[in-house]
Structures are given as C-alpha cells and as structure tokens.
C-alpha cells in the first residue's frame, strides 16, 4: 500500500456522510476513509 500524507486547509462546503466524502469550497474532495485526523467546528458534532 503506497500513499502520501498531506495537510488540507480550507473551507468545507459539506460533508457527505452517505458518500463518505468531505467537499471543500475549492472543489477538493477527500474520502472520509482516507482521513487520519481532522480539526474544526463542523467535525466536533460528528466525533
């Protein structure tokens, strides 16, 4: 399993819990299964 670690800083447009994706206002999409850690108000309710 090869991969890369990166930090994404941005504004979340929405969290798609069914599709398991985080969608950012700049168009970036990150799969929740690929997230190691997250910080921010929107995620405090989820975890």
N, C-alpha and C. Protein backbone atom coordinates (compact mmCIF):
# COMPACT_ATOMS: atom_id res chain seq x y z
N UNK A 1 0.83 -1.17 0.00
CA UNK A 1 0.00 0.00 0.00
C UNK A 1 0.88 1.24 0.00
N UNK A 2 0.92 1.96 -1.09
CA UNK A 2 1.69 3.20 -1.17
C UNK A 2 0.74 4.39 -1.05
N UNK A 3 1.21 5.44 -0.47
CA UNK A 3 0.37 6.61 -0.32
C UNK A 3 1.19 7.82 0.07
N UNK A 4 0.50 8.91 0.22
CA UNK A 4 1.14 10.15 0.60
C UNK A 4 0.35 10.77 1.75
N UNK A 5 1.04 11.53 2.56
CA UNK A 5 0.43 12.25 3.65
C UNK A 5 0.43 13.72 3.29
N UNK A 6 -0.72 14.38 3.41
CA UNK A 6 -0.75 15.81 3.17
C UNK A 6 -1.74 16.47 4.11
N UNK A 7 -1.58 17.76 4.25
CA UNK A 7 -2.46 18.57 5.08
C UNK A 7 -3.32 19.43 4.16
N UNK A 8 -4.61 19.44 4.40
CA UNK A 8 -5.53 20.26 3.62
C UNK A 8 -6.12 21.30 4.56
N UNK A 9 -5.95 22.54 4.20
CA UNK A 9 -6.55 23.64 4.95
C UNK A 9 -7.53 24.32 4.01
N UNK A 10 -8.77 24.43 4.43
CA UNK A 10 -9.75 25.05 3.56
C UNK A 10 -11.11 25.12 4.22
N UNK A 11 -12.07 25.60 3.47
CA UNK A 11 -13.43 25.74 3.95
C UNK A 11 -14.27 24.58 3.41
N UNK A 12 -14.95 23.91 4.31
CA UNK A 12 -15.78 22.77 3.93
C UNK A 12 -17.12 23.28 3.42
N UNK A 13 -17.48 22.81 2.25
CA UNK A 13 -18.81 23.12 1.71
C UNK A 13 -19.84 22.21 2.37
N UNK A 14 -19.54 20.90 2.38
CA UNK A 14 -20.42 19.96 3.05
C UNK A 14 -19.71 18.64 3.29
N UNK A 15 -20.27 17.87 4.21
CA UNK A 15 -19.79 16.53 4.48
C UNK A 15 -20.87 15.58 4.02
N UNK A 16 -20.53 14.71 3.09
CA UNK A 16 -21.47 13.73 2.56
C UNK A 16 -21.25 12.43 3.33
N UNK A 17 -22.08 12.21 4.35
CA UNK A 17 -21.91 11.03 5.18
C UNK A 17 -22.29 9.75 4.44
N UNK A 18 -23.20 9.83 3.51
CA UNK A 18 -23.59 8.64 2.72
C UNK A 18 -22.47 8.27 1.75
N UNK A 19 -21.96 9.24 1.01
CA UNK A 19 -20.87 9.01 0.07
C UNK A 19 -19.51 8.97 0.74
N UNK A 20 -19.50 9.31 2.04
CA UNK A 20 -18.28 9.31 2.86
C UNK A 20 -17.20 10.21 2.27
N UNK A 21 -17.60 11.46 1.97
CA UNK A 21 -16.69 12.44 1.38
C UNK A 21 -16.79 13.78 2.09
N UNK A 22 -15.68 14.50 2.09
CA UNK A 22 -15.66 15.89 2.52
C UNK A 22 -15.47 16.72 1.26
N UNK A 23 -16.39 17.65 1.01
CA UNK A 23 -16.32 18.50 -0.17
C UNK A 23 -15.96 19.92 0.27
N UNK A 24 -14.91 20.46 -0.32
CA UNK A 24 -14.42 21.79 0.02
C UNK A 24 -14.92 22.82 -0.98
N UNK A 25 -14.91 24.08 -0.58
CA UNK A 25 -15.39 25.16 -1.45
C UNK A 25 -14.53 25.34 -2.70
N UNK A 26 -13.27 24.87 -2.66
CA UNK A 26 -12.40 24.99 -3.84
C UNK A 26 -12.53 23.81 -4.80
N UNK A 27 -13.47 22.89 -4.51
CA UNK A 27 -13.69 21.74 -5.38
C UNK A 27 -12.97 20.48 -4.96
N UNK A 28 -12.11 20.57 -3.97
CA UNK A 28 -11.39 19.39 -3.49
C UNK A 28 -12.37 18.42 -2.81
N UNK A 29 -12.19 17.14 -3.08
CA UNK A 29 -12.99 16.09 -2.44
C UNK A 29 -12.03 15.10 -1.78
N UNK A 30 -12.25 14.81 -0.51
CA UNK A 30 -11.43 13.85 0.22
C UNK A 30 -12.36 12.78 0.79
N UNK A 31 -12.01 11.53 0.58
CA UNK A 31 -12.78 10.43 1.13
C UNK A 31 -12.57 10.36 2.64
N UNK A 32 -13.65 10.21 3.38
CA UNK A 32 -13.54 10.12 4.84
C UNK A 32 -12.67 8.94 5.26
N UNK A 33 -12.67 7.87 4.47
CA UNK A 33 -11.86 6.70 4.81
C UNK A 33 -10.36 7.00 4.71
N UNK A 34 -9.99 8.06 4.00
CA UNK A 34 -8.58 8.43 3.85
C UNK A 34 -8.10 9.43 4.90
N UNK A 35 -9.00 9.90 5.73
CA UNK A 35 -8.67 10.94 6.72
C UNK A 35 -8.10 10.29 7.98
N UNK A 36 -6.94 10.79 8.40
CA UNK A 36 -6.30 10.30 9.62
C UNK A 36 -6.75 11.12 10.81
N UNK A 37 -6.79 12.45 10.66
CA UNK A 37 -7.27 13.33 11.72
C UNK A 37 -7.87 14.58 11.09
N UNK A 38 -8.71 15.24 11.88
CA UNK A 38 -9.39 16.42 11.38
C UNK A 38 -9.68 17.35 12.55
N UNK A 39 -9.64 18.64 12.27
CA UNK A 39 -9.96 19.64 13.29
C UNK A 39 -10.92 20.64 12.69
N UNK A 40 -11.81 21.16 13.50
CA UNK A 40 -12.73 22.19 13.06
C UNK A 40 -14.11 22.01 13.67
N UNK A 41 -14.86 23.09 13.73
CA UNK A 41 -16.17 23.09 14.36
C UNK A 41 -17.13 22.10 13.73
N UNK A 42 -17.11 22.01 12.41
CA UNK A 42 -18.07 21.14 11.72
C UNK A 42 -17.91 19.68 12.12
N UNK A 43 -16.72 19.28 12.55
CA UNK A 43 -16.46 17.89 12.88
C UNK A 43 -16.66 17.57 14.35
N UNK A 44 -16.81 18.58 15.19
CA UNK A 44 -16.98 18.35 16.62
C UNK A 44 -18.26 17.58 16.91
N UNK A 45 -19.31 17.82 16.11
CA UNK A 45 -20.58 17.13 16.31
C UNK A 45 -20.51 15.67 15.87
N UNK A 46 -19.63 15.36 14.92
CA UNK A 46 -19.55 14.02 14.35
C UNK A 46 -18.74 13.07 15.23
N UNK A 47 -17.74 13.60 15.94
CA UNK A 47 -16.83 12.71 16.67
C UNK A 47 -16.81 13.06 18.11
